[in-house]
């Protein structure tokens, strides 16, 4: 399985790139995208109003919902999170489409520790692991930087070790 996390150290900075695409959901995403784009296009081509019994507002709500669903499908197809850490600042950007949690910036001086936390949930389908990249701030708050579902524990452990090593290097250079 190809890793969704890429870690690079360049010019005294740490770059982490996390791709959001979940390959196991790819067939569902293709069908969903086709329906979201194809159905309104086909109905407009035919000149048929969608849901005429609900009037113009019913059509507008339907188009809004389909656009919303298409947006989320495209986000999970193409988006990635880029984390850049240097001696001054930690920056998180979600590209190419904007995301709900938004882009974030934290001064490194406010960060006490960076860690990867594991959360296990159980359901009828089985046990699922999800990892979270968190920052513990100097004032005692914890700040979720990134959620990492469907990732191996070895890769997240490597991510945590790399982050710890980088933060220690920054602390040594400050002293």
C-alpha atoms as a PDB file:
ATOM      1  CA  UNK A   1       0.000   0.000   0.000  1.00  0.00           C
ATOM      2  CA  UNK A   2       1.350   3.410  -0.954  1.00  0.00           C
ATOM      3  CA  UNK A   3       1.841   5.769   1.967  1.00  0.00           C
ATOM      4  CA  UNK A   4      -0.446   8.779   2.241  1.00  0.00           C
ATOM      5  CA  UNK A   5       2.090  10.611   4.422  1.00  0.00           C
ATOM      6  CA  UNK A   6       5.291  12.108   3.046  1.00  0.00           C
ATOM      7  CA  UNK A   7       7.879  13.605   5.404  1.00  0.00           C
ATOM      8  CA  UNK A   8      10.812  15.733   4.222  1.00  0.00           C
ATOM      9  CA  UNK A   9      13.447  17.786   6.009  1.00  0.00           C
ATOM     10  CA  UNK A  10      14.676  20.701   3.917  1.00  0.00           C
ATOM     11  CA  UNK A  11      16.699  23.772   4.874  1.00  0.00           C
ATOM     12  CA  UNK A  12      16.062  23.476   8.611  1.00  0.00           C
ATOM     13  CA  UNK A  13      12.332  22.963   8.155  1.00  0.00           C
ATOM     14  CA  UNK A  14      10.091  19.917   8.310  1.00  0.00           C
ATOM     15  CA  UNK A  15       7.482  19.388   5.584  1.00  0.00           C
ATOM     16  CA  UNK A  16       4.683  16.854   6.034  1.00  0.00           C
ATOM     17  CA  UNK A  17       2.198  16.163   3.255  1.00  0.00           C
ATOM     18  CA  UNK A  18      -0.883  14.048   3.895  1.00  0.00           C
ATOM     19  CA  UNK A  19      -3.093  12.998   0.974  1.00  0.00           C
ATOM     20  CA  UNK A  20      -6.765  12.573   1.883  1.00  0.00           C
ATOM     21  CA  UNK A  21      -7.802  10.141  -0.840  1.00  0.00           C
ATOM     22  CA  UNK A  22      -9.102   6.827   0.462  1.00  0.00           C
ATOM     23  CA  UNK A  23      -8.523   4.279  -2.300  1.00  0.00           C
ATOM     24  CA  UNK A  24     -11.052   1.825  -0.890  1.00  0.00           C
ATOM     25  CA  UNK A  25     -13.804   4.410  -1.519  1.00  0.00           C
ATOM     26  CA  UNK A  26     -12.681   5.222  -5.062  1.00  0.00           C
ATOM     27  CA  UNK A  27     -15.466   3.272  -6.886  1.00  0.00           C
ATOM     28  CA  UNK A  28     -18.109   4.906  -4.712  1.00  0.00           C
ATOM     29  CA  UNK A  29     -16.629   8.351  -5.338  1.00  0.00           C
ATOM     30  CA  UNK A  30     -16.604   7.816  -9.117  1.00  0.00           C
ATOM     31  CA  UNK A  31     -20.274   6.779  -9.112  1.00  0.00           C
ATOM     32  CA  UNK A  32     -21.222   9.627  -6.768  1.00  0.00           C
ATOM     33  CA  UNK A  33     -19.420  12.230  -8.902  1.00  0.00           C
ATOM     34  CA  UNK A  34     -20.999  10.881 -12.075  1.00  0.00           C
ATOM     35  CA  UNK A  35     -24.480  11.108 -10.567  1.00  0.00           C
ATOM     36  CA  UNK A  36     -23.900  14.608  -9.141  1.00  0.00           C
ATOM     37  CA  UNK A  37     -22.732  15.931 -12.502  1.00  0.00           C
ATOM     38  CA  UNK A  38     -24.627  13.711 -14.912  1.00  0.00           C
ATOM     39  CA  UNK A  39     -28.172  13.758 -13.583  1.00  0.00           C
ATOM     40  CA  UNK A  40     -28.723  17.544 -13.583  1.00  0.00           C
ATOM     41  CA  UNK A  41     -26.937  17.882 -16.938  1.00  0.00           C
ATOM     42  CA  UNK A  42     -29.088  15.163 -18.487  1.00  0.00           C
ATOM     43  CA  UNK A  43     -32.313  16.609 -17.106  1.00  0.00           C
ATOM     44  CA  UNK A  44     -31.408  20.118 -18.263  1.00  0.00           C
ATOM     45  CA  UNK A  45     -30.608  18.692 -21.714  1.00  0.00           C
ATOM     46  CA  UNK A  46     -34.069  17.148 -21.826  1.00  0.00           C
ATOM     47  CA  UNK A  47     -35.606  20.408 -20.642  1.00  0.00           C
ATOM     48  CA  UNK A  48     -37.393  18.604 -17.836  1.00  0.00           C
ATOM     49  CA  UNK A  49     -37.705  20.384 -14.506  1.00  0.00           C
ATOM     50  CA  UNK A  50     -36.471  18.340 -11.593  1.00  0.00           C
ATOM     51  CA  UNK A  51     -39.191  17.657  -9.017  1.00  0.00           C
ATOM     52  CA  UNK A  52     -41.836  19.961 -10.599  1.00  0.00           C
ATOM     53  CA  UNK A  53     -44.279  19.235  -7.774  1.00  0.00           C
ATOM     54  CA  UNK A  54     -41.993  21.151  -5.367  1.00  0.00           C
ATOM     55  CA  UNK A  55     -41.668  24.195  -7.604  1.00  0.00           C
ATOM     56  CA  UNK A  56     -38.592  26.293  -8.161  1.00  0.00           C
ATOM     57  CA  UNK A  57     -37.463  26.118  -4.511  1.00  0.00           C
ATOM     58  CA  UNK A  58     -37.447  22.343  -4.573  1.00  0.00           C
ATOM     59  CA  UNK A  59     -35.205  22.450  -7.618  1.00  0.00           C
ATOM     60  CA  UNK A  60     -32.872  24.968  -5.992  1.00  0.00           C
ATOM     61  CA  UNK A  61     -32.592  22.879  -2.822  1.00  0.00           C
ATOM     62  CA  UNK A  62     -31.889  19.763  -4.883  1.00  0.00           C
ATOM     63  CA  UNK A  63     -29.157  21.545  -6.877  1.00  0.00           C
ATOM     64  CA  UNK A  64     -27.660  22.924  -3.666  1.00  0.00           C
ATOM     65  CA  UNK A  65     -27.538  19.471  -2.060  1.00  0.00           C
ATOM     66  CA  UNK A  66     -26.025  17.936  -5.186  1.00  0.00           C
ATOM     67  CA  UNK A  67     -23.424  20.728  -5.374  1.00  0.00           C
ATOM     68  CA  UNK A  68     -22.597  20.255  -1.703  1.00  0.00           C
ATOM     69  CA  UNK A  69     -22.165  16.503  -2.218  1.00  0.00           C
ATOM     70  CA  UNK A  70     -20.036  17.103  -5.312  1.00  0.00           C
ATOM     71  CA  UNK A  71     -17.811  19.519  -3.365  1.00  0.00           C
ATOM     72  CA  UNK A  72     -17.143  16.946  -0.635  1.00  0.00           C
ATOM     73  CA  UNK A  73     -16.482  14.255  -3.218  1.00  0.00           C
ATOM     74  CA  UNK A  74     -13.940  16.460  -4.993  1.00  0.00           C
ATOM     75  CA  UNK A  75     -12.330  17.388  -1.670  1.00  0.00           C
ATOM     76  CA  UNK A  76     -11.763  13.752  -0.761  1.00  0.00           C
ATOM     77  CA  UNK A  77     -10.488  13.023  -4.270  1.00  0.00           C
ATOM     78  CA  UNK A  78      -7.923  15.798  -4.519  1.00  0.00           C
ATOM     79  CA  UNK A  79      -7.248  17.494  -1.191  1.00  0.00           C
ATOM     80  CA  UNK A  80      -4.135  17.216   0.882  1.00  0.00           C
ATOM     81  CA  UNK A  81      -2.860  18.801   4.066  1.00  0.00           C
ATOM     82  CA  UNK A  82       0.570  20.405   4.065  1.00  0.00           C
ATOM     83  CA  UNK A  83       2.260  20.966   7.413  1.00  0.00           C
ATOM     84  CA  UNK A  84       5.370  23.136   7.460  1.00  0.00           C
ATOM     85  CA  UNK A  85       7.397  23.542  10.645  1.00  0.00           C
ATOM     86  CA  UNK A  86      10.425  25.781  10.965  1.00  0.00           C
ATOM     87  CA  UNK A  87      12.103  27.434  13.947  1.00  0.00           C
ATOM     88  CA  UNK A  88       9.490  30.203  14.070  1.00  0.00           C
ATOM     89  CA  UNK A  89       6.119  28.851  13.007  1.00  0.00           C
ATOM     90  CA  UNK A  90       3.990  25.780  12.342  1.00  0.00           C
ATOM     91  CA  UNK A  91       1.676  26.214   9.345  1.00  0.00           C
ATOM     92  CA  UNK A  92      -1.132  23.903   8.196  1.00  0.00           C
ATOM     93  CA  UNK A  93      -2.718  24.396   4.790  1.00  0.00           C
ATOM     94  CA  UNK A  94      -5.473  22.350   3.157  1.00  0.00           C
ATOM     95  CA  UNK A  95      -5.149  22.411  -0.638  1.00  0.00           C
ATOM     96  CA  UNK A  96      -6.479  22.763  -3.366  1.00  0.00           C
ATOM     97  CA  UNK A  97     -10.005  23.195  -1.973  1.00  0.00           C
ATOM     98  CA  UNK A  98     -10.695  25.089   1.279  1.00  0.00           C
ATOM     99  CA  UNK A  99     -11.721  22.941   4.222  1.00  0.00           C
ATOM    100  CA  UNK A 100     -14.020  23.477   7.215  1.00  0.00           C
ATOM    101  CA  UNK A 101     -11.249  23.522   9.814  1.00  0.00           C
ATOM    102  CA  UNK A 102      -9.333  26.089   7.783  1.00  0.00           C
ATOM    103  CA  UNK A 103      -5.654  26.826   7.549  1.00  0.00           C
ATOM    104  CA  UNK A 104      -3.801  27.321  10.821  1.00  0.00           C
ATOM    105  CA  UNK A 105      -0.636  28.992  12.080  1.00  0.00           C
ATOM    106  CA  UNK A 106       0.992  28.515  15.445  1.00  0.00           C
ATOM    107  CA  UNK A 107       4.174  30.133  16.712  1.00  0.00           C
ATOM    108  CA  UNK A 108       6.646  27.389  17.656  1.00  0.00           C
ATOM    109  CA  UNK A 109       7.343  29.230  20.922  1.00  0.00           C
ATOM    110  CA  UNK A 110       3.765  28.396  22.060  1.00  0.00           C
ATOM    111  CA  UNK A 111       4.154  24.663  21.331  1.00  0.00           C
ATOM    112  CA  UNK A 112       5.223  22.467  24.232  1.00  0.00           C
ATOM    113  CA  UNK A 113       5.024  19.118  22.418  1.00  0.00           C
ATOM    114  CA  UNK A 114       3.878  17.533  19.164  1.00  0.00           C
ATOM    115  CA  UNK A 115       2.466  14.025  19.325  1.00  0.00           C
ATOM    116  CA  UNK A 116       0.373  11.457  17.498  1.00  0.00           C
ATOM    117  CA  UNK A 117      -2.558  10.092  19.500  1.00  0.00           C
ATOM    118  CA  UNK A 118      -4.441   6.915  18.656  1.00  0.00           C
ATOM    119  CA  UNK A 119      -8.198   6.534  19.033  1.00  0.00           C
ATOM    120  CA  UNK A 120      -9.855   3.133  18.658  1.00  0.00           C
ATOM    121  CA  UNK A 121     -13.578   2.863  17.941  1.00  0.00           C
ATOM    122  CA  UNK A 122     -15.596  -0.332  17.844  1.00  0.00           C
ATOM    123  CA  UNK A 123     -18.683  -0.884  15.746  1.00  0.00           C
ATOM    124  CA  UNK A 124     -20.580  -3.736  14.172  1.00  0.00           C
ATOM    125  CA  UNK A 125     -18.213  -3.609  11.204  1.00  0.00           C
ATOM    126  CA  UNK A 126     -15.193  -4.115  13.453  1.00  0.00           C
ATOM    127  CA  UNK A 127     -12.513  -2.085  15.154  1.00  0.00           C
ATOM    128  CA  UNK A 128     -11.223   1.104  13.524  1.00  0.00           C
ATOM    129  CA  UNK A 129      -8.125   3.090  14.375  1.00  0.00           C
ATOM    130  CA  UNK A 130      -7.767   6.796  13.772  1.00  0.00           C
ATOM    131  CA  UNK A 131      -4.685   8.832  14.557  1.00  0.00           C
ATOM    132  CA  UNK A 132      -4.536  12.516  15.412  1.00  0.00           C
ATOM    133  CA  UNK A 133      -1.552  14.808  15.122  1.00  0.00           C
ATOM    134  CA  UNK A 134      -1.847  17.119  18.122  1.00  0.00           C
ATOM    135  CA  UNK A 135       0.082  20.036  19.541  1.00  0.00           C
ATOM    136  CA  UNK A 136       0.273  20.519  23.291  1.00  0.00           C
ATOM    137  CA  UNK A 137       0.598  24.231  23.941  1.00  0.00           C
ATOM    138  CA  UNK A 138       2.532  25.984  26.721  1.00  0.00           C
ATOM    139  CA  UNK A 139      -0.728  27.083  28.394  1.00  0.00           C
ATOM    140  CA  UNK A 140      -1.875  23.439  28.751  1.00  0.00           C
ATOM    141  CA  UNK A 141      -4.327  23.338  25.841  1.00  0.00           C
ATOM    142  CA  UNK A 142      -4.215  20.579  23.241  1.00  0.00           C
ATOM    143  CA  UNK A 143      -4.779  21.506  19.637  1.00  0.00           C
ATOM    144  CA  UNK A 144      -5.714  18.976  16.933  1.00  0.00           C
ATOM    145  CA  UNK A 145      -3.652  19.691  13.852  1.00  0.00           C
ATOM    146  CA  UNK A 146      -4.661  16.792  11.614  1.00  0.00           C
ATOM    147  CA  UNK A 147      -6.749  13.623  11.711  1.00  0.00           C
ATOM    148  CA  UNK A 148      -5.189  10.622   9.987  1.00  0.00           C
ATOM    149  CA  UNK A 149      -7.663   7.783   9.343  1.00  0.00           C
ATOM    150  CA  UNK A 150      -6.772   4.451   7.724  1.00  0.00           C
ATOM    151  CA  UNK A 151      -3.039   4.689   8.317  1.00  0.00           C
ATOM    152  CA  UNK A 152      -0.679   2.029   9.627  1.00  0.00           C
ATOM    153  CA  UNK A 153       0.602   2.324  13.161  1.00  0.00           C
ATOM    154  CA  UNK A 154       4.218   2.036  11.937  1.00  0.00           C
ATOM    155  CA  UNK A 155       3.856   5.094   9.701  1.00  0.00           C
ATOM    156  CA  UNK A 156       2.217   7.166  12.411  1.00  0.00           C
ATOM    157  CA  UNK A 157       4.930   6.077  14.853  1.00  0.00           C
ATOM    158  CA  UNK A 158       7.556   7.232  12.346  1.00  0.00           C
ATOM    159  CA  UNK A 159       5.708  10.536  12.033  1.00  0.00           C
ATOM    160  CA  UNK A 160       5.668  10.982  15.812  1.00  0.00           C
ATOM    161  CA  UNK A 161       9.382  10.140  16.156  1.00  0.00           C
ATOM    162  CA  UNK A 162      10.286  12.559  13.351  1.00  0.00           C
ATOM    163  CA  UNK A 163       8.234  15.323  14.986  1.00  0.00           C
ATOM    164  CA  UNK A 164       9.771  14.697  18.417  1.00  0.00           C
ATOM    165  CA  UNK A 165      13.264  14.725  16.946  1.00  0.00           C
ATOM    166  CA  UNK A 166      12.581  17.949  15.045  1.00  0.00           C
ATOM    167  CA  UNK A 167      11.098  19.723  18.090  1.00  0.00           C
ATOM    168  CA  UNK A 168      14.123  18.666  20.172  1.00  0.00           C
ATOM    169  CA  UNK A 169      16.450  20.070  17.499  1.00  0.00           C
ATOM    170  CA  UNK A 170      14.560  23.373  17.575  1.00  0.00           C
ATOM    171  CA  UNK A 171      14.761  23.502  21.395  1.00  0.00           C
ATOM    172  CA  UNK A 172      18.522  22.795  21.288  1.00  0.00           C
ATOM    173  CA  UNK A 173      19.097  25.559  18.745  1.00  0.00           C
ATOM    174  CA  UNK A 174      17.100  28.030  20.864  1.00  0.00           C
ATOM    175  CA  UNK A 175      19.149  27.297  23.986  1.00  0.00           C
END
